[in-house]
Amino acid sequence: MQQPIFDGLQTKHRTSKAQLKLLKVDNSLSQLKRAIDLEQNIAKNSLSNALLNLDVQESNTELAREVFETTKKKYEAGVGSSLELIQADTELQRAQGAYFQALYDCYIARIALNKSLGKL
């Protein structure tokens, strides 16, 4: 039976190579975990911002509605002009559009959060 005494450090190199592969896999796993955590934090912040924006747009819509109603009453009483009424109506429609856009953004942010949490 013959067994070589010196193998040219092949065993040592194979062991080092395997350890490097293991380290690479560990680093990849760690990077993936950080990426998932980052995605979840971004989704939570986006939802929070979208909800805040929705509240602001709801307030703006209510204010525009009040201005429109006041302007309408002034116009009906003969104190206001039709131009004021048209401008108030335009602003109300613009505020309503912004509100619906904010509502849509909330739904999108909620879906993104559920996706990042693995619920979809």
N, C-alpha and C. Protein backbone atom coordinates (compact mmCIF):
# COMPACT_ATOMS: atom_id res chain seq x y z
N MET A 1 0.83 -1.15 0.00
CA MET A 1 0.00 0.00 0.00
C MET A 1 0.89 1.24 0.00
N GLN A 2 0.55 2.13 -0.94
CA GLN A 2 1.34 3.34 -1.03
C GLN A 2 0.43 4.55 -0.81
N GLN A 3 0.89 5.42 0.00
CA GLN A 3 0.16 6.66 0.26
C GLN A 3 1.18 7.78 0.20
N PRO A 4 0.86 8.81 -0.61
CA PRO A 4 1.84 9.88 -0.72
C PRO A 4 1.92 10.67 0.59
N ILE A 5 3.10 11.05 0.94
CA ILE A 5 3.30 11.81 2.15
C ILE A 5 2.98 13.29 1.91
N PHE A 6 3.31 13.79 0.73
CA PHE A 6 3.07 15.20 0.41
C PHE A 6 2.12 15.27 -0.78
N ASP A 7 0.98 15.91 -0.62
CA ASP A 7 -0.02 15.96 -1.69
C ASP A 7 -0.02 17.30 -2.42
N GLY A 8 0.97 18.12 -2.24
CA GLY A 8 1.06 19.41 -2.92
C GLY A 8 0.11 20.45 -2.34
N LEU A 9 -0.29 20.28 -1.10
CA LEU A 9 -1.19 21.18 -0.37
C LEU A 9 -2.60 21.25 -0.98
N GLN A 10 -2.97 20.19 -1.73
CA GLN A 10 -4.31 20.15 -2.33
C GLN A 10 -5.41 20.13 -1.28
N THR A 11 -5.24 19.37 -0.24
CA THR A 11 -6.25 19.28 0.82
C THR A 11 -6.43 20.63 1.51
N LYS A 12 -5.34 21.30 1.76
CA LYS A 12 -5.42 22.62 2.40
C LYS A 12 -6.14 23.61 1.49
N HIS A 13 -5.86 23.59 0.20
CA HIS A 13 -6.50 24.51 -0.73
C HIS A 13 -7.98 24.19 -0.89
N ARG A 14 -8.34 22.91 -0.92
CA ARG A 14 -9.76 22.54 -1.01
C ARG A 14 -10.51 23.00 0.24
N THR A 15 -9.87 22.84 1.39
CA THR A 15 -10.49 23.27 2.64
C THR A 15 -10.66 24.79 2.66
N SER A 16 -9.63 25.49 2.24
CA SER A 16 -9.72 26.97 2.19
C SER A 16 -10.80 27.42 1.21
N LYS A 17 -10.87 26.75 0.07
CA LYS A 17 -11.87 27.08 -0.93
C LYS A 17 -13.28 26.84 -0.39
N ALA A 18 -13.48 25.75 0.31
CA ALA A 18 -14.79 25.44 0.90
C ALA A 18 -15.15 26.46 1.98
N GLN A 19 -14.18 26.87 2.77
CA GLN A 19 -14.43 27.88 3.79
C GLN A 19 -14.80 29.22 3.16
N LEU A 20 -14.16 29.58 2.06
CA LEU A 20 -14.47 30.82 1.37
C LEU A 20 -15.89 30.77 0.77
N LYS A 21 -16.26 29.61 0.23
CA LYS A 21 -17.62 29.46 -0.30
C LYS A 21 -18.64 29.62 0.81
N LEU A 22 -18.36 29.03 1.96
CA LEU A 22 -19.26 29.14 3.10
C LEU A 22 -19.36 30.59 3.57
N LEU A 23 -18.27 31.29 3.61
CA LEU A 23 -18.26 32.70 3.99
C LEU A 23 -19.05 33.53 2.98
N LYS A 24 -18.91 33.21 1.70
CA LYS A 24 -19.64 33.91 0.65
C LYS A 24 -21.14 33.70 0.80
N VAL A 25 -21.56 32.49 1.09
CA VAL A 25 -22.98 32.19 1.30
C VAL A 25 -23.50 32.93 2.53
N ASP A 26 -22.72 32.95 3.59
CA ASP A 26 -23.13 33.68 4.80
C ASP A 26 -23.28 35.17 4.52
N ASN A 27 -22.35 35.73 3.77
CA ASN A 27 -22.44 37.15 3.41
C ASN A 27 -23.66 37.43 2.53
N SER A 28 -23.93 36.54 1.61
CA SER A 28 -25.10 36.71 0.74
C SER A 28 -26.39 36.66 1.56
N LEU A 29 -26.45 35.73 2.49
CA LEU A 29 -27.62 35.61 3.35
C LEU A 29 -27.80 36.86 4.21
N SER A 30 -26.71 37.35 4.76
CA SER A 30 -26.76 38.57 5.57
C SER A 30 -27.21 39.77 4.73
N GLN A 31 -26.70 39.86 3.53
CA GLN A 31 -27.08 40.96 2.63
C GLN A 31 -28.56 40.86 2.26
N LEU A 32 -29.06 39.67 2.03
CA LEU A 32 -30.47 39.47 1.71
C LEU A 32 -31.36 39.88 2.88
N LYS A 33 -30.96 39.51 4.10
CA LYS A 33 -31.73 39.89 5.29
C LYS A 33 -31.79 41.42 5.43
N ARG A 34 -30.65 42.08 5.21
CA ARG A 34 -30.62 43.55 5.29
C ARG A 34 -31.49 44.18 4.21
N ALA A 35 -31.49 43.59 3.01
CA ALA A 35 -32.31 44.12 1.92
C ALA A 35 -33.80 43.97 2.23
N ILE A 36 -34.17 42.85 2.82
CA ILE A 36 -35.57 42.63 3.20
C ILE A 36 -35.99 43.60 4.29
N ASP A 37 -35.13 43.79 5.28
CA ASP A 37 -35.43 44.76 6.35
C ASP A 37 -35.56 46.17 5.80
N LEU A 38 -34.69 46.53 4.88
CA LEU A 38 -34.75 47.85 4.26
C LEU A 38 -36.05 48.02 3.48
N GLU A 39 -36.42 47.01 2.72
CA GLU A 39 -37.67 47.08 1.95
C GLU A 39 -38.88 47.23 2.87
N GLN A 40 -38.88 46.53 3.99
CA GLN A 40 -39.98 46.64 4.94
C GLN A 40 -40.03 48.04 5.57
N ASN A 41 -38.86 48.58 5.93
CA ASN A 41 -38.83 49.93 6.51
C ASN A 41 -39.30 50.98 5.50
N ILE A 42 -38.87 50.84 4.27
CA ILE A 42 -39.30 51.77 3.23
C ILE A 42 -40.81 51.68 3.03
N ALA A 43 -41.34 50.46 3.01
CA ALA A 43 -42.78 50.27 2.82
C ALA A 43 -43.57 50.86 3.99
N LYS A 44 -43.08 50.68 5.21
CA LYS A 44 -43.76 51.25 6.38
C LYS A 44 -43.75 52.77 6.33
N ASN A 45 -42.60 53.34 5.98
CA ASN A 45 -42.51 54.80 5.89
C ASN A 45 -43.38 55.34 4.76
N SER A 46 -43.43 54.64 3.65
CA SER A 46 -44.28 55.07 2.53
C SER A 46 -45.74 55.07 2.92
N LEU A 47 -46.16 54.03 3.64
CA LEU A 47 -47.56 53.96 4.08
C LEU A 47 -47.86 55.07 5.08
N SER A 48 -46.94 55.31 5.98
CA SER A 48 -47.14 56.38 6.96
C SER A 48 -47.26 57.74 6.26
N ASN A 49 -46.38 58.00 5.32
CA ASN A 49 -46.43 59.26 4.57
C ASN A 49 -47.71 59.36 3.74
N ALA A 50 -48.12 58.26 3.15
CA ALA A 50 -49.34 58.26 2.34
C ALA A 50 -50.57 58.55 3.21
N LEU A 51 -50.60 58.01 4.41
CA LEU A 51 -51.73 58.26 5.31
C LEU A 51 -51.75 59.72 5.76
N LEU A 52 -50.57 60.27 6.04
CA LEU A 52 -50.49 61.69 6.40
C LEU A 52 -50.97 62.57 5.25
N ASN A 53 -50.53 62.23 4.05
CA ASN A 53 -50.95 62.99 2.87
C ASN A 53 -52.46 62.87 2.65
N LEU A 54 -53.01 61.70 2.93
CA LEU A 54 -54.45 61.51 2.78
C LEU A 54 -55.21 62.41 3.75
N ASP A 55 -54.73 62.52 4.97
CA ASP A 55 -55.36 63.41 5.95
C ASP A 55 -55.31 64.86 5.49
N VAL A 56 -54.16 65.27 4.96
CA VAL A 56 -54.02 66.65 4.48
C VAL A 56 -54.96 66.90 3.31
N GLN A 57 -55.03 65.96 2.38
CA GLN A 57 -55.89 66.14 1.22
C GLN A 57 -57.37 66.12 1.60
N GLU A 58 -57.70 65.35 2.61
CA GLU A 58 -59.09 65.34 3.10
C GLU A 58 -59.45 66.70 3.69
N SER A 59 -58.53 67.28 4.46
CA SER A 59 -58.76 68.61 5.02
C SER A 59 -58.87 69.66 3.91
N ASN A 60 -58.00 69.55 2.91
CA ASN A 60 -58.06 70.48 1.78
C ASN A 60 -59.38 70.38 1.04
N THR A 61 -59.88 69.16 0.88
CA THR A 61 -61.15 68.96 0.18
C THR A 61 -62.29 69.58 0.98
N GLU A 62 -62.28 69.39 2.28
CA GLU A 62 -63.33 69.98 3.11
C GLU A 62 -63.29 71.50 3.04
N LEU A 63 -62.09 72.06 3.09
CA LEU A 63 -61.94 73.51 3.00
C LEU A 63 -62.43 74.02 1.64
N ALA A 64 -62.07 73.33 0.57
CA ALA A 64 -62.51 73.73 -0.77
C ALA A 64 -64.03 73.63 -0.89
N ARG A 65 -64.61 72.61 -0.24
CA ARG A 65 -66.07 72.46 -0.27
C ARG A 65 -66.74 73.62 0.47
N GLU A 66 -66.18 73.99 1.61
CA GLU A 66 -66.74 75.12 2.38
C GLU A 66 -66.63 76.43 1.58
N VAL A 67 -65.48 76.64 0.94
CA VAL A 67 -65.30 77.85 0.13
C VAL A 67 -66.29 77.86 -1.03
N PHE A 68 -66.49 76.70 -1.65
CA PHE A 68 -67.43 76.62 -2.77
C PHE A 68 -68.85 76.93 -2.30
N GLU A 69 -69.24 76.34 -1.17
CA GLU A 69 -70.60 76.58 -0.65
C GLU A 69 -70.80 78.06 -0.31
N THR A 70 -69.80 78.67 0.30
CA THR A 70 -69.88 80.09 0.64
C THR A 70 -69.97 80.94 -0.62
N THR A 71 -69.15 80.62 -1.59
CA THR A 71 -69.16 81.36 -2.86
C THR A 71 -70.48 81.18 -3.59
N LYS A 72 -71.03 79.98 -3.51
CA LYS A 72 -72.32 79.70 -4.15
C LYS A 72 -73.43 80.54 -3.51
N LYS A 73 -73.40 80.62 -2.19
CA LYS A 73 -74.40 81.43 -1.48
C LYS A 73 -74.26 82.91 -1.84
N LYS A 74 -73.00 83.37 -1.92
CA LYS A 74 -72.77 84.77 -2.31
C LYS A 74 -73.30 85.03 -3.73
N TYR A 75 -73.05 84.08 -4.62
CA TYR A 75 -73.51 84.24 -6.01
C TYR A 75 -75.03 84.26 -6.07
N GLU A 76 -75.67 83.34 -5.32
CA GLU A 76 -77.14 83.28 -5.32
C GLU A 76 -77.75 84.54 -4.71
N ALA A 77 -77.04 85.16 -3.78
CA ALA A 77 -77.52 86.39 -3.16
C ALA A 77 -77.22 87.62 -4.03
N GLY A 78 -76.46 87.41 -5.10
CA GLY A 78 -76.15 88.50 -6.00
C GLY A 78 -74.94 89.31 -5.59
N VAL A 79 -74.20 88.83 -4.59
CA VAL A 79 -73.03 89.56 -4.10
C VAL A 79 -71.75 89.09 -4.80
N GLY A 80 -71.71 87.84 -5.20
CA GLY A 80 -70.51 87.29 -5.82
C GLY A 80 -70.67 87.17 -7.33
N SER A 81 -69.53 87.01 -8.01
CA SER A 81 -69.56 86.90 -9.47
C SER A 81 -69.55 85.43 -9.89
N SER A 82 -69.92 85.22 -11.13
CA SER A 82 -69.90 83.86 -11.67
C SER A 82 -68.47 83.37 -11.81
N LEU A 83 -67.52 84.27 -12.04
CA LEU A 83 -66.11 83.88 -12.13
C LEU A 83 -65.62 83.31 -10.80
N GLU A 84 -66.01 83.93 -9.69
CA GLU A 84 -65.64 83.40 -8.37
C GLU A 84 -66.21 82.01 -8.17
N LEU A 85 -67.46 81.83 -8.60
CA LEU A 85 -68.10 80.53 -8.45
C LEU A 85 -67.39 79.47 -9.28
N ILE A 86 -67.02 79.81 -10.50
CA ILE A 86 -66.31 78.86 -11.37
C ILE A 86 -64.94 78.54 -10.79
N GLN A 87 -64.24 79.54 -10.27
CA GLN A 87 -62.93 79.30 -9.66
C GLN A 87 -63.04 78.41 -8.43
N ALA A 88 -64.05 78.66 -7.60
CA ALA A 88 -64.24 77.84 -6.40
C ALA A 88 -64.58 76.40 -6.78
N ASP A 89 -65.40 76.25 -7.82
CA ASP A 89 -65.75 74.90 -8.29
C ASP A 89 -64.52 74.19 -8.84
N THR A 90 -63.70 74.91 -9.58
CA THR A 90 -62.47 74.33 -10.12
C THR A 90 -61.54 73.88 -9.00
N GLU A 91 -61.39 74.71 -7.99
CA GLU A 91 -60.53 74.35 -6.85
C GLU A 91 -61.09 73.15 -6.09
N LEU A 92 -62.40 73.07 -5.97
CA LEU A 92 -63.01 71.92 -5.31
C LEU A 92 -62.73 70.65 -6.10
N GLN A 93 -62.87 70.70 -7.40
CA GLN A 93 -62.60 69.52 -8.23
C GLN A 93 -61.13 69.14 -8.17
N ARG A 94 -60.25 70.13 -8.15
CA ARG A 94 -58.81 69.86 -8.03
C ARG A 94 -58.51 69.20 -6.68
N ALA A 95 -59.13 69.70 -5.62
CA ALA A 95 -58.90 69.12 -4.28
C ALA A 95 -59.44 67.70 -4.21
N GLN A 96 -60.59 67.45 -4.82
CA GLN A 96 -61.13 66.10 -4.84
C GLN A 96 -60.23 65.15 -5.62
N GLY A 97 -59.69 65.63 -6.74
CA GLY A 97 -58.75 64.81 -7.51
C GLY A 97 -57.51 64.47 -6.71
N ALA A 98 -56.99 65.44 -5.98
CA ALA A 98 -55.80 65.20 -5.14
C ALA A 98 -56.13 64.23 -4.02
N TYR A 99 -57.35 64.31 -3.48
CA TYR A 99 -57.75 63.38 -2.43
C TYR A 99 -57.81 61.95 -2.97
N PHE A 100 -58.40 61.78 -4.14
CA PHE A 100 -58.49 60.43 -4.72
C PHE A 100 -57.11 59.90 -5.09
N GLN A 101 -56.21 60.76 -5.52
CA GLN A 101 -54.84 60.34 -5.80
C GLN A 101 -54.15 59.90 -4.50
N ALA A 102 -54.36 60.63 -3.42
CA ALA A 102 -53.78 60.27 -2.13
C ALA A 102 -54.35 58.95 -1.63
N LEU A 103 -55.64 58.73 -1.86
CA LEU A 103 -56.27 57.47 -1.48
C LEU A 103 -55.66 56.31 -2.27
N TYR A 104 -55.47 56.52 -3.55
CA TYR A 104 -54.84 55.52 -4.40
C TYR A 104 -53.43 55.22 -3.92
N ASP A 105 -52.68 56.26 -3.59
CA ASP A 105 -51.31 56.08 -3.08
C ASP A 105 -51.29 55.28 -1.78
N CYS A 106 -52.31 55.47 -0.94
CA CYS A 106 -52.42 54.69 0.30
C CYS A 106 -52.60 53.21 0.00
N TYR A 107 -53.47 52.92 -0.96
CA TYR A 107 -53.69 51.52 -1.33
C TYR A 107 -52.41 50.89 -1.89
N ILE A 108 -51.71 51.63 -2.72
CA ILE A 108 -50.47 51.12 -3.30
C ILE A 108 -49.43 50.88 -2.20
N ALA A 109 -49.32 51.81 -1.27
CA ALA A 109 -48.36 51.67 -0.16
C ALA A 109 -48.73 50.48 0.72
N ARG A 110 -50.02 50.28 0.95
CA ARG A 110 -50.46 49.15 1.78
C ARG A 110 -50.13 47.82 1.09
N ILE A 111 -50.32 47.76 -0.20
CA ILE A 111 -49.98 46.55 -0.95
C ILE A 111 -48.48 46.30 -0.91
N ALA A 112 -47.70 47.35 -1.05
CA ALA A 112 -46.24 47.22 -0.99
C ALA A 112 -45.79 46.72 0.39
N LEU A 113 -46.44 47.21 1.45
CA LEU A 113 -46.11 46.75 2.79
C LEU A 113 -46.46 45.28 2.96
N ASN A 114 -47.65 44.89 2.51
CA ASN A 114 -48.03 43.48 2.61
C ASN A 114 -47.09 42.60 1.80
N LYS A 115 -46.66 43.08 0.66
CA LYS A 115 -45.71 42.32 -0.16
C LYS A 115 -44.38 42.15 0.56
N SER A 116 -43.90 43.23 1.17
CA SER A 116 -42.61 43.17 1.87
C SER A 116 -42.67 42.28 3.11
N LEU A 117 -43.88 42.16 3.69
CA LEU A 117 -44.03 41.30 4.86
C LEU A 117 -44.33 39.86 4.48
N GLY A 118 -44.48 39.61 3.17
CA GLY A 118 -44.74 38.26 2.70
C GLY A 118 -46.18 37.83 2.82
N LYS A 119 -47.10 38.77 2.89
CA LYS A 119 -48.52 38.44 3.05
C LYS A 119 -49.24 38.34 1.72
N LEU A 120 -48.56 38.62 0.61
CA LEU A 120 -49.18 38.51 -0.71
C LEU A 120 -48.60 37.34 -1.46
